[in-house]
Protein backbone atom coordinates (compact mmCIF):
# COMPACT_ATOMS: atom_id res chain seq x y z
CA MET A 1 142.32 -43.68 7.09
CA LEU A 2 140.36 -46.89 7.76
CA VAL A 3 139.58 -48.84 4.83
CA SER A 4 137.56 -52.05 4.42
CA MET A 5 138.72 -55.13 3.22
CA THR A 6 137.25 -54.90 0.00
CA SER A 7 139.08 -51.44 -0.80
CA THR A 8 142.55 -53.14 0.38
CA PRO A 9 145.01 -53.74 -1.69
CA ASP A 10 144.38 -57.79 -3.78
CA VAL A 11 147.55 -58.85 -2.20
CA ILE A 12 146.51 -58.66 1.27
CA ALA A 13 143.07 -60.20 0.81
CA ARG A 14 145.03 -63.02 -0.49
CA TYR A 15 147.45 -63.29 1.97
CA PHE A 16 144.96 -63.86 4.03
CA ALA A 17 142.71 -66.05 2.30
CA ALA A 18 145.60 -68.23 2.01
CA SER A 19 146.85 -68.07 5.94
CA GLU A 20 143.04 -69.46 6.41
CA ALA A 21 143.38 -71.81 3.75
CA GLY A 22 146.70 -73.78 5.10
CA ASP A 23 148.13 -72.53 1.67
CA ILE A 24 151.71 -72.11 2.42
CA ASP A 25 152.54 -72.27 -1.65
CA ALA A 26 149.63 -69.30 -2.23
CA LEU A 27 151.23 -67.31 0.64
CA VAL A 28 154.47 -67.19 0.07
CA ALA A 29 153.21 -66.30 -3.47
CA CYS A 30 152.04 -63.13 -1.84
CA PHE A 31 155.90 -61.70 -1.03
CA THR A 32 158.41 -60.32 -3.42
CA ASP A 33 161.73 -62.30 -3.26
CA ASP A 34 163.34 -59.86 -1.03
CA ALA A 35 160.89 -59.63 1.37
CA TRP A 36 161.51 -60.00 5.00
CA VAL A 37 159.07 -60.77 8.42
CA VAL A 38 159.21 -59.96 11.50
CA ASP A 39 157.14 -62.07 14.08
CA GLU A 40 157.85 -62.65 17.66
CA ALA A 41 161.18 -60.70 17.47
CA ARG A 42 162.47 -62.40 15.20
CA ARG A 43 163.27 -61.74 11.44
CA HIS A 44 162.53 -64.42 8.79
CA ASP A 45 164.46 -62.72 5.04
CA GLY A 46 163.47 -63.79 2.00
CA THR A 47 161.01 -66.35 0.64
CA ASP A 48 162.74 -69.27 1.36
CA ALA A 49 162.49 -67.81 5.58
CA ILE A 50 159.20 -66.72 4.79
CA ARG A 51 157.71 -70.53 3.82
CA ALA A 52 159.78 -71.83 6.96
CA TRP A 53 158.45 -69.26 9.51
CA ARG A 54 155.05 -70.11 8.18
CA GLU A 55 155.13 -73.60 8.03
CA GLY A 56 156.43 -73.17 11.74
CA THR A 57 153.97 -71.45 12.84
CA SER A 58 150.78 -73.73 10.88
CA ALA A 59 152.87 -76.80 13.00
CA SER A 60 152.71 -75.47 15.99
CA TYR A 61 149.26 -73.48 16.79
CA THR A 62 145.92 -73.46 15.78
CA TYR A 63 143.85 -70.59 15.57
CA THR A 64 141.14 -68.11 14.42
CA LEU A 65 141.75 -65.03 13.24
CA GLN A 66 139.19 -62.03 13.28
CA ILE A 67 140.31 -58.70 10.97
CA THR A 68 139.33 -56.58 13.10
CA GLY A 69 140.58 -53.07 11.29
CA VAL A 70 142.42 -52.15 8.48
CA THR A 71 144.13 -48.55 8.41
CA GLU A 72 146.75 -46.79 5.51
CA THR A 73 149.82 -45.53 7.26
CA ALA A 74 151.47 -44.41 4.22
CA SER A 75 150.97 -44.99 0.34
CA SER A 76 153.00 -47.81 0.62
CA GLU A 77 152.40 -49.42 3.96
CA LEU A 78 148.54 -50.75 5.63
CA THR A 79 148.03 -51.62 9.27
CA VAL A 80 145.73 -54.55 9.82
CA ASP A 81 144.05 -54.98 13.19
CA THR A 82 143.73 -58.96 14.13
CA HIS A 83 142.46 -60.57 16.96
CA LEU A 84 143.44 -64.11 17.29
CA GLU A 85 142.31 -67.05 19.62
CA GLY A 86 143.72 -70.02 19.62
CA ASP A 87 146.00 -72.76 21.37
CA PHE A 88 148.88 -70.43 21.62
CA PRO A 89 150.47 -69.03 25.07
CA GLY A 90 147.95 -67.04 25.98
CA GLY A 91 145.13 -68.48 24.22
CA VAL A 92 143.89 -65.06 22.99
CA VAL A 93 146.01 -61.89 21.38
CA ASP A 94 145.28 -58.57 19.53
CA LEU A 95 147.92 -57.88 16.85
CA LYS A 96 148.86 -55.35 14.62
CA GLN A 97 150.23 -56.72 10.84
CA ILE A 98 151.93 -53.83 9.21
CA PHE A 99 152.30 -54.73 5.60
CA GLY A 100 154.91 -53.00 3.24
CA LEU A 101 153.82 -53.27 -0.43
CA SER A 102 156.00 -52.98 -3.34
CA ASP A 103 154.29 -53.65 -6.97
CA GLY A 104 151.50 -55.69 -6.06
CA LEU A 105 153.25 -57.89 -3.91
CA ILE A 106 154.06 -57.43 0.34
CA SER A 107 157.95 -56.26 0.86
CA SER A 108 157.53 -56.87 4.13
CA LEU A 109 155.36 -57.92 7.19
CA HIS A 110 155.67 -56.72 10.66
CA ILE A 111 153.98 -58.43 13.40
């Protein structure tokens, strides 16, 4: 089921807004305490590790992100298709970001 960003859970919109603004505190606040993120085949468990992951990503690369689609894949899971362009290796990439949700927060994110 393809849904628009206006009908996605508030926490997903807040996550992308915080990411775009570079607001690490607001971004980390979108996650449950025991959340995990997998990015570039590395897993980051808990909000301290998620904070370190985002701080490292923010310090390493600059990029623009465009959301190209949102699909509800399960009752508590959304896949957000994104297009990134920036100074990372390759410069352009299309990604699927799979968000697990729990109690109004992000419990998992697989990129």
